[in-house]
């Protein structure tokens, strides 16, 4: 979709439901850091980090999907295509960090993805999706950061 087309409606209810359901692994795994030592922190951290990589990769891929709709545009912007693969590469690098630093990296990357979306979504007339994106990013990043606290205090 280019700048001249309009899609300013809010996300449909099913998109909200799916988006918020996607927070369940973040919240449950983060809370697991505070459970008694029934599951290793290493396992929980790896599970949370792996899920964060999947979500961060998805957030980058959205930009590819949006650009694929208008590949014939004379104003095609290669930056969107490059950004589309950047989050997955950065998230993969973050997984190579030791726990809990990889979770800190994931929290930072979630906010970086949101910041790019803030700048790019208006081009696609999708700014009405930003409030949901903000809430999803906030909860997911808090879950990653809370895991750091749980890692060091439990």
N, C-alpha and C. Protein backbone atom coordinates (compact mmCIF):
# COMPACT_ATOMS: atom_id res chain seq x y z
N UNK A 1 0.86 -1.17 0.00
CA UNK A 1 0.00 0.00 0.00
C UNK A 1 0.90 1.23 0.00
N UNK A 2 0.57 2.19 -0.80
CA UNK A 2 1.38 3.41 -0.82
C UNK A 2 0.71 4.50 0.01
N UNK A 3 1.36 5.64 0.04
CA UNK A 3 0.88 6.74 0.87
C UNK A 3 -0.49 7.26 0.46
N UNK A 4 -0.88 7.06 -0.77
CA UNK A 4 -2.14 7.61 -1.25
C UNK A 4 -3.35 6.74 -0.91
N UNK A 5 -3.10 5.50 -0.54
CA UNK A 5 -4.19 4.62 -0.16
C UNK A 5 -4.44 4.77 1.34
N UNK A 6 -5.64 4.46 1.76
CA UNK A 6 -5.98 4.67 3.16
C UNK A 6 -6.37 3.37 3.84
N UNK A 7 -5.78 3.13 4.99
CA UNK A 7 -6.11 1.99 5.83
C UNK A 7 -5.90 2.43 7.26
N UNK A 8 -6.65 3.41 7.69
CA UNK A 8 -6.42 4.00 9.00
C UNK A 8 -7.30 3.40 10.08
N UNK A 9 -8.02 2.33 9.77
CA UNK A 9 -8.90 1.75 10.78
C UNK A 9 -8.07 1.06 11.86
N UNK A 10 -8.67 0.96 13.02
CA UNK A 10 -8.01 0.28 14.13
C UNK A 10 -7.91 -1.21 13.84
N UNK A 11 -7.01 -1.88 14.55
CA UNK A 11 -6.90 -3.33 14.34
C UNK A 11 -8.22 -4.03 14.64
N UNK A 12 -8.57 -5.04 13.86
CA UNK A 12 -9.80 -5.78 14.15
C UNK A 12 -9.68 -6.53 15.47
N UNK A 13 -10.81 -6.90 16.02
CA UNK A 13 -10.84 -7.57 17.32
C UNK A 13 -9.99 -8.84 17.32
N UNK A 14 -10.03 -9.60 16.23
CA UNK A 14 -9.25 -10.84 16.20
C UNK A 14 -7.76 -10.56 16.22
N UNK A 15 -7.33 -9.45 15.64
CA UNK A 15 -5.90 -9.09 15.67
C UNK A 15 -5.50 -8.71 17.09
N UNK A 16 -6.38 -7.97 17.77
CA UNK A 16 -6.10 -7.66 19.18
C UNK A 16 -6.00 -8.94 20.00
N UNK A 17 -6.95 -9.84 19.81
CA UNK A 17 -6.96 -11.09 20.57
C UNK A 17 -5.67 -11.88 20.33
N UNK A 18 -5.30 -12.03 19.08
CA UNK A 18 -4.08 -12.78 18.77
C UNK A 18 -2.83 -12.07 19.30
N UNK A 19 -2.81 -10.75 19.16
CA UNK A 19 -1.66 -10.00 19.67
C UNK A 19 -1.49 -10.16 21.16
N UNK A 20 -2.57 -9.99 21.90
CA UNK A 20 -2.47 -10.11 23.35
C UNK A 20 -2.25 -11.55 23.79
N UNK A 21 -2.79 -12.52 23.05
CA UNK A 21 -2.52 -13.92 23.36
C UNK A 21 -1.03 -14.23 23.19
N UNK A 22 -0.40 -13.52 22.26
CA UNK A 22 1.04 -13.70 22.06
C UNK A 22 1.87 -13.27 23.24
N UNK A 23 1.28 -12.55 24.17
CA UNK A 23 2.00 -12.16 25.38
C UNK A 23 2.05 -13.27 26.42
N UNK A 24 1.20 -14.27 26.28
CA UNK A 24 1.12 -15.33 27.29
C UNK A 24 2.48 -15.97 27.57
N UNK A 25 3.24 -16.40 26.54
CA UNK A 25 4.55 -16.98 26.85
C UNK A 25 5.49 -16.00 27.55
N UNK A 26 5.45 -14.73 27.17
CA UNK A 26 6.30 -13.75 27.86
C UNK A 26 5.96 -13.69 29.35
N UNK A 27 4.69 -13.57 29.66
CA UNK A 27 4.26 -13.40 31.04
C UNK A 27 4.49 -14.68 31.86
N UNK A 28 4.10 -15.82 31.31
CA UNK A 28 4.24 -17.08 32.04
C UNK A 28 5.71 -17.41 32.27
N UNK A 29 6.53 -17.28 31.25
CA UNK A 29 7.94 -17.61 31.41
C UNK A 29 8.64 -16.63 32.36
N UNK A 30 8.27 -15.38 32.28
CA UNK A 30 8.85 -14.40 33.20
C UNK A 30 8.46 -14.73 34.64
N UNK A 31 7.21 -15.06 34.85
CA UNK A 31 6.74 -15.43 36.19
C UNK A 31 7.44 -16.68 36.69
N UNK A 32 7.80 -17.57 35.78
CA UNK A 32 8.46 -18.82 36.16
C UNK A 32 9.80 -18.58 36.84
N UNK A 33 10.43 -17.46 36.58
CA UNK A 33 11.69 -17.14 37.26
C UNK A 33 11.49 -16.96 38.76
N UNK A 34 10.26 -16.68 39.17
CA UNK A 34 9.97 -16.44 40.58
C UNK A 34 9.35 -17.65 41.26
N UNK A 35 9.15 -18.75 40.52
CA UNK A 35 8.62 -19.98 41.11
C UNK A 35 9.73 -20.66 41.88
N UNK A 36 9.36 -21.55 42.79
CA UNK A 36 10.40 -22.34 43.47
C UNK A 36 11.23 -23.09 42.43
N UNK A 37 12.38 -23.51 42.79
CA UNK A 37 13.36 -24.14 41.88
C UNK A 37 12.88 -25.46 41.28
N UNK A 38 11.73 -25.47 40.67
CA UNK A 38 11.23 -26.69 40.03
C UNK A 38 11.75 -26.81 38.59
N UNK A 39 11.99 -25.69 37.96
CA UNK A 39 12.51 -25.67 36.60
C UNK A 39 13.76 -24.79 36.62
N UNK A 40 14.77 -25.20 35.90
CA UNK A 40 16.01 -24.43 35.93
C UNK A 40 15.84 -23.06 35.28
N UNK A 41 16.53 -22.09 35.86
CA UNK A 41 16.51 -20.75 35.29
C UNK A 41 17.11 -20.75 33.89
N UNK A 42 18.07 -21.59 33.68
CA UNK A 42 18.70 -21.69 32.36
C UNK A 42 17.66 -22.11 31.31
N UNK A 43 16.85 -23.11 31.65
CA UNK A 43 15.81 -23.57 30.72
C UNK A 43 14.77 -22.48 30.48
N UNK A 44 14.30 -21.84 31.54
CA UNK A 44 13.29 -20.78 31.40
C UNK A 44 13.83 -19.63 30.57
N UNK A 45 15.07 -19.24 30.87
CA UNK A 45 15.69 -18.15 30.12
C UNK A 45 15.84 -18.47 28.65
N UNK A 46 16.23 -19.72 28.36
CA UNK A 46 16.36 -20.14 26.96
C UNK A 46 15.01 -20.14 26.26
N UNK A 47 13.98 -20.61 26.96
CA UNK A 47 12.64 -20.63 26.38
C UNK A 47 12.14 -19.21 26.10
N UNK A 48 12.34 -18.32 27.05
CA UNK A 48 11.90 -16.93 26.88
C UNK A 48 12.68 -16.24 25.77
N UNK A 49 13.98 -16.45 25.76
CA UNK A 49 14.82 -15.86 24.72
C UNK A 49 14.43 -16.37 23.33
N UNK A 50 14.18 -17.67 23.23
CA UNK A 50 13.78 -18.25 21.94
C UNK A 50 12.46 -17.68 21.46
N UNK A 51 11.52 -17.52 22.37
CA UNK A 51 10.23 -16.96 21.98
C UNK A 51 10.40 -15.50 21.55
N UNK A 52 11.22 -14.76 22.28
CA UNK A 52 11.46 -13.36 21.92
C UNK A 52 12.08 -13.25 20.52
N UNK A 53 12.99 -14.16 20.18
CA UNK A 53 13.58 -14.15 18.84
C UNK A 53 12.49 -14.34 17.79
N UNK A 54 11.57 -15.26 18.03
CA UNK A 54 10.49 -15.50 17.07
C UNK A 54 9.65 -14.25 16.89
N UNK A 55 9.30 -13.58 17.98
CA UNK A 55 8.47 -12.38 17.90
C UNK A 55 9.23 -11.24 17.22
N UNK A 56 10.47 -11.05 17.59
CA UNK A 56 11.27 -9.97 16.99
C UNK A 56 11.46 -10.22 15.50
N UNK A 57 11.66 -11.46 15.10
CA UNK A 57 11.77 -11.78 13.67
C UNK A 57 10.47 -11.48 12.95
N UNK A 58 9.35 -11.79 13.59
CA UNK A 58 8.04 -11.49 13.03
C UNK A 58 7.87 -9.98 12.83
N UNK A 59 8.30 -9.21 13.81
CA UNK A 59 8.16 -7.74 13.72
C UNK A 59 8.95 -7.18 12.54
N UNK A 60 10.10 -7.74 12.27
CA UNK A 60 10.86 -7.31 11.10
C UNK A 60 10.19 -7.76 9.81
N UNK A 61 9.68 -8.98 9.81
CA UNK A 61 9.07 -9.54 8.60
C UNK A 61 7.83 -8.77 8.17
N UNK A 62 7.16 -8.13 9.11
CA UNK A 62 6.00 -7.31 8.75
C UNK A 62 6.39 -6.29 7.68
N UNK A 63 7.57 -5.73 7.80
CA UNK A 63 8.01 -4.70 6.85
C UNK A 63 8.22 -5.29 5.46
N UNK A 64 8.71 -6.51 5.38
CA UNK A 64 8.82 -7.16 4.09
C UNK A 64 7.44 -7.35 3.49
N UNK A 65 6.51 -7.83 4.30
CA UNK A 65 5.15 -8.05 3.81
C UNK A 65 4.52 -6.78 3.29
N UNK A 66 4.72 -5.69 4.00
CA UNK A 66 4.16 -4.41 3.58
C UNK A 66 4.80 -3.93 2.28
N UNK A 67 6.09 -4.09 2.16
CA UNK A 67 6.79 -3.66 0.94
C UNK A 67 6.46 -4.56 -0.24
N UNK A 68 6.19 -5.83 0.00
CA UNK A 68 5.88 -6.76 -1.09
C UNK A 68 4.59 -6.39 -1.80
N UNK A 69 3.74 -5.63 -1.14
CA UNK A 69 2.48 -5.23 -1.77
C UNK A 69 2.69 -4.18 -2.85
N UNK A 70 3.83 -3.52 -2.85
CA UNK A 70 4.04 -2.41 -3.78
C UNK A 70 5.47 -2.44 -4.35
N UNK A 71 5.87 -3.59 -4.89
CA UNK A 71 7.25 -3.72 -5.39
C UNK A 71 7.51 -2.95 -6.67
N UNK A 72 6.47 -2.54 -7.37
CA UNK A 72 6.64 -1.83 -8.64
C UNK A 72 6.72 -0.31 -8.46
N UNK A 73 6.62 0.14 -7.22
CA UNK A 73 6.61 1.57 -6.96
C UNK A 73 7.96 2.19 -7.35
N UNK A 74 7.92 3.32 -8.04
CA UNK A 74 9.18 3.99 -8.39
C UNK A 74 9.86 4.57 -7.15
N UNK A 75 9.16 4.65 -6.06
CA UNK A 75 9.76 5.18 -4.83
C UNK A 75 10.07 4.06 -3.84
N UNK A 76 10.23 2.83 -4.35
CA UNK A 76 10.54 1.70 -3.48
C UNK A 76 11.77 2.03 -2.63
N UNK A 77 11.66 1.72 -1.36
CA UNK A 77 12.69 2.07 -0.40
C UNK A 77 13.42 0.82 0.07
N UNK A 78 14.69 0.63 -0.32
CA UNK A 78 15.40 -0.58 0.11
C UNK A 78 15.61 -0.63 1.63
N UNK A 79 15.50 0.50 2.29
CA UNK A 79 15.68 0.53 3.74
C UNK A 79 14.67 -0.38 4.43
N UNK A 80 13.43 -0.38 3.97
CA UNK A 80 12.40 -1.24 4.57
C UNK A 80 12.76 -2.71 4.39
N UNK A 81 13.30 -3.07 3.24
CA UNK A 81 13.69 -4.46 2.99
C UNK A 81 14.86 -4.85 3.90
N UNK A 82 15.81 -3.95 4.03
CA UNK A 82 16.97 -4.23 4.90
C UNK A 82 16.50 -4.35 6.35
N UNK A 83 15.64 -3.42 6.77
CA UNK A 83 15.14 -3.50 8.14
C UNK A 83 14.39 -4.81 8.37
N UNK A 84 13.71 -5.31 7.37
CA UNK A 84 12.92 -6.53 7.50
C UNK A 84 13.73 -7.72 7.99
N UNK A 85 15.02 -7.79 7.66
CA UNK A 85 15.86 -8.91 8.11
C UNK A 85 16.73 -8.54 9.31
N UNK A 86 16.88 -7.27 9.57
CA UNK A 86 17.77 -6.83 10.65
C UNK A 86 17.34 -7.30 12.03
N UNK A 87 16.06 -7.20 12.42
CA UNK A 87 15.69 -7.65 13.77
C UNK A 87 16.02 -9.12 14.02
N UNK A 88 15.79 -9.99 13.04
CA UNK A 88 16.08 -11.41 13.27
C UNK A 88 17.57 -11.65 13.44
N UNK A 89 18.38 -10.93 12.68
CA UNK A 89 19.83 -11.09 12.81
C UNK A 89 20.32 -10.57 14.17
N UNK A 90 19.81 -9.41 14.58
CA UNK A 90 20.21 -8.86 15.88
C UNK A 90 19.73 -9.74 17.03
N UNK A 91 18.53 -10.28 16.91
CA UNK A 91 18.00 -11.15 17.96
C UNK A 91 18.81 -12.44 18.03
N UNK A 92 19.20 -12.96 16.89
CA UNK A 92 20.03 -14.16 16.89
C UNK A 92 21.36 -13.88 17.61
N UNK A 93 21.96 -12.73 17.32
CA UNK A 93 23.21 -12.37 18.01
C UNK A 93 22.96 -12.25 19.51
N UNK A 94 21.83 -11.68 19.89
CA UNK A 94 21.52 -11.54 21.33
C UNK A 94 21.41 -12.90 22.00
N UNK A 95 20.96 -13.93 21.27
CA UNK A 95 20.86 -15.26 21.89
C UNK A 95 22.23 -15.83 22.22
N UNK A 96 23.26 -15.31 21.60
CA UNK A 96 24.61 -15.80 21.87
C UNK A 96 25.18 -15.23 23.16
N UNK A 97 24.51 -14.22 23.71
CA UNK A 97 24.93 -13.66 24.99
C UNK A 97 24.50 -14.58 26.12
N UNK A 98 25.23 -14.51 27.22
CA UNK A 98 24.88 -15.32 28.39
C UNK A 98 23.59 -14.81 29.01
N UNK A 99 22.87 -15.73 29.61
CA UNK A 99 21.69 -15.38 30.38
C UNK A 99 22.15 -14.60 31.61
N UNK A 100 21.56 -13.53 31.98
CA UNK A 100 20.33 -12.91 31.51
C UNK A 100 20.55 -11.78 30.52
N UNK A 101 21.80 -11.58 30.07
CA UNK A 101 22.09 -10.47 29.17
C UNK A 101 21.35 -10.62 27.84
N UNK A 102 21.10 -11.86 27.43
CA UNK A 102 20.35 -12.05 26.19
C UNK A 102 18.93 -11.51 26.34
N UNK A 103 18.35 -11.62 27.54
CA UNK A 103 17.00 -11.10 27.76
C UNK A 103 16.99 -9.57 27.77
N UNK A 104 18.04 -8.98 28.28
CA UNK A 104 18.17 -7.52 28.20
C UNK A 104 18.24 -7.10 26.73
N UNK A 105 19.01 -7.84 25.94
CA UNK A 105 19.09 -7.57 24.51
C UNK A 105 17.75 -7.68 23.82
N UNK A 106 16.97 -8.67 24.22
CA UNK A 106 15.64 -8.84 23.62
C UNK A 106 14.73 -7.66 23.96
N UNK A 107 14.78 -7.20 25.20
CA UNK A 107 13.97 -6.05 25.61
C UNK A 107 14.34 -4.82 24.78
N UNK A 108 15.62 -4.60 24.60
CA UNK A 108 16.09 -3.46 23.80
C UNK A 108 15.62 -3.60 22.35
N UNK A 109 15.73 -4.79 21.81
CA UNK A 109 15.32 -5.01 20.42
C UNK A 109 13.81 -4.84 20.23
N UNK A 110 13.03 -5.25 21.21
CA UNK A 110 11.58 -5.03 21.12
C UNK A 110 11.27 -3.54 21.00
N UNK A 111 11.98 -2.72 21.78
CA UNK A 111 11.74 -1.27 21.70
C UNK A 111 12.30 -0.68 20.42
N UNK A 112 13.41 -1.21 19.93
CA UNK A 112 13.94 -0.75 18.64
C UNK A 112 12.94 -1.03 17.52
N UNK A 113 12.35 -2.22 17.54
CA UNK A 113 11.32 -2.56 16.54
C UNK A 113 10.13 -1.61 16.64
N UNK A 114 9.71 -1.32 17.85
CA UNK A 114 8.59 -0.40 18.03
C UNK A 114 8.94 0.99 17.48
N UNK A 115 10.14 1.45 17.76
CA UNK A 115 10.56 2.78 17.30
C UNK A 115 10.57 2.86 15.77
N UNK A 116 11.05 1.82 15.13
CA UNK A 116 11.03 1.79 13.66
C UNK A 116 9.58 1.77 13.17
N UNK A 117 8.73 1.00 13.83
CA UNK A 117 7.32 0.95 13.43
C UNK A 117 6.67 2.33 13.59
N UNK A 118 7.04 3.05 14.63
CA UNK A 118 6.51 4.41 14.80
C UNK A 118 6.84 5.28 13.61
N UNK A 119 8.00 5.10 13.06
CA UNK A 119 8.42 5.91 11.93
C UNK A 119 7.84 5.41 10.60
N UNK A 120 7.69 4.09 10.44
CA UNK A 120 7.29 3.52 9.16
C UNK A 120 5.78 3.31 9.01
N UNK A 121 5.07 3.01 10.10
CA UNK A 121 3.64 2.72 9.97
C UNK A 121 2.85 3.87 9.35
N UNK A 122 3.15 5.12 9.66
CA UNK A 122 2.39 6.19 8.99
C UNK A 122 2.51 6.14 7.46
N UNK A 123 3.64 5.74 6.95
CA UNK A 123 3.80 5.61 5.50
C UNK A 123 2.78 4.62 4.93
N UNK A 124 2.52 3.56 5.67
CA UNK A 124 1.57 2.54 5.23
C UNK A 124 0.15 2.83 5.71
N UNK A 125 -0.07 3.97 6.32
CA UNK A 125 -1.37 4.34 6.87
C UNK A 125 -1.81 3.36 7.96
N UNK A 126 -0.88 2.92 8.76
CA UNK A 126 -1.15 1.94 9.81
C UNK A 126 -0.90 2.50 11.21
N UNK A 127 -0.87 3.81 11.33
CA UNK A 127 -0.58 4.41 12.64
C UNK A 127 -1.61 4.04 13.69
N UNK A 128 -2.81 3.65 13.28
CA UNK A 128 -3.83 3.26 14.26
C UNK A 128 -3.46 1.94 14.96
N UNK A 129 -2.50 1.23 14.43
CA UNK A 129 -2.04 0.00 15.07
C UNK A 129 -0.99 0.28 16.15
N UNK A 130 -0.45 1.48 16.18
CA UNK A 130 0.64 1.78 17.11
C UNK A 130 0.26 1.69 18.59
N UNK A 131 -0.95 2.09 19.01
CA UNK A 131 -1.28 1.91 20.43
C UNK A 131 -1.21 0.45 20.87
N UNK A 132 -1.72 -0.46 20.04
CA UNK A 132 -1.61 -1.88 20.38
C UNK A 132 -0.15 -2.32 20.38
N UNK A 133 0.59 -1.89 19.37
CA UNK A 133 2.02 -2.24 19.30
C UNK A 133 2.75 -1.74 20.54
N UNK A 134 2.40 -0.55 21.02
CA UNK A 134 3.04 -0.01 22.22
C UNK A 134 2.76 -0.91 23.42
N UNK A 135 1.49 -1.27 23.62
CA UNK A 135 1.12 -2.10 24.77
C UNK A 135 1.79 -3.47 24.69
N UNK A 136 1.82 -4.07 23.52
CA UNK A 136 2.48 -5.36 23.36
C UNK A 136 3.97 -5.27 23.66
N UNK A 137 4.60 -4.23 23.15
CA UNK A 137 6.02 -4.02 23.40
C UNK A 137 6.29 -3.78 24.87
N UNK A 138 5.46 -2.98 25.49
CA UNK A 138 5.63 -2.67 26.91
C UNK A 138 5.58 -3.94 27.76
N UNK A 139 4.55 -4.76 27.57
CA UNK A 139 4.42 -5.97 28.39
C UNK A 139 5.53 -6.96 28.08
N UNK A 140 5.85 -7.17 26.81
CA UNK A 140 6.90 -8.12 26.44
C UNK A 140 8.25 -7.69 26.99
N UNK A 141 8.56 -6.41 26.90
CA UNK A 141 9.86 -5.94 27.40
C UNK A 141 9.91 -5.97 28.92
N UNK A 142 8.80 -5.65 29.58
CA UNK A 142 8.76 -5.75 31.04
C UNK A 142 8.98 -7.21 31.46
N UNK A 143 8.39 -8.14 30.73
CA UNK A 143 8.58 -9.56 31.05
C UNK A 143 10.05 -9.94 30.93
N UNK A 144 10.71 -9.46 29.89
CA UNK A 144 12.15 -9.75 29.74
C UNK A 144 12.95 -9.13 30.88
N UNK A 145 12.63 -7.90 31.22
CA UNK A 145 13.36 -7.21 32.30
C UNK A 145 13.06 -7.83 33.67
N UNK A 146 11.81 -8.22 33.89
CA UNK A 146 11.45 -8.86 35.16
C UNK A 146 12.21 -10.19 35.30
N UNK A 147 12.46 -10.83 34.19
CA UNK A 147 13.22 -12.07 34.22
C UNK A 147 14.64 -11.84 34.71
N UNK A 148 15.21 -10.70 34.37
CA UNK A 148 16.52 -10.35 34.89
C UNK A 148 16.49 -10.28 36.42
N UNK A 149 15.45 -9.62 36.95
CA UNK A 149 15.29 -9.52 38.39
C UNK A 149 15.12 -10.91 38.98
N UNK A 150 14.26 -11.72 38.38
CA UNK A 150 14.05 -13.07 38.87
C UNK A 150 15.30 -13.93 38.81
N UNK A 151 16.08 -13.73 37.77
CA UNK A 151 17.33 -14.49 37.61
C UNK A 151 18.28 -14.21 38.77
N UNK A 152 18.37 -12.94 39.18
CA UNK A 152 19.33 -12.56 40.21
C UNK A 152 18.79 -12.68 41.63
N UNK A 153 17.47 -12.74 41.81
CA UNK A 153 16.93 -12.75 43.16
C UNK A 153 16.39 -14.10 43.61
N UNK A 154 16.16 -15.01 42.69
CA UNK A 154 15.58 -16.31 43.08
C UNK A 154 16.64 -17.33 43.35
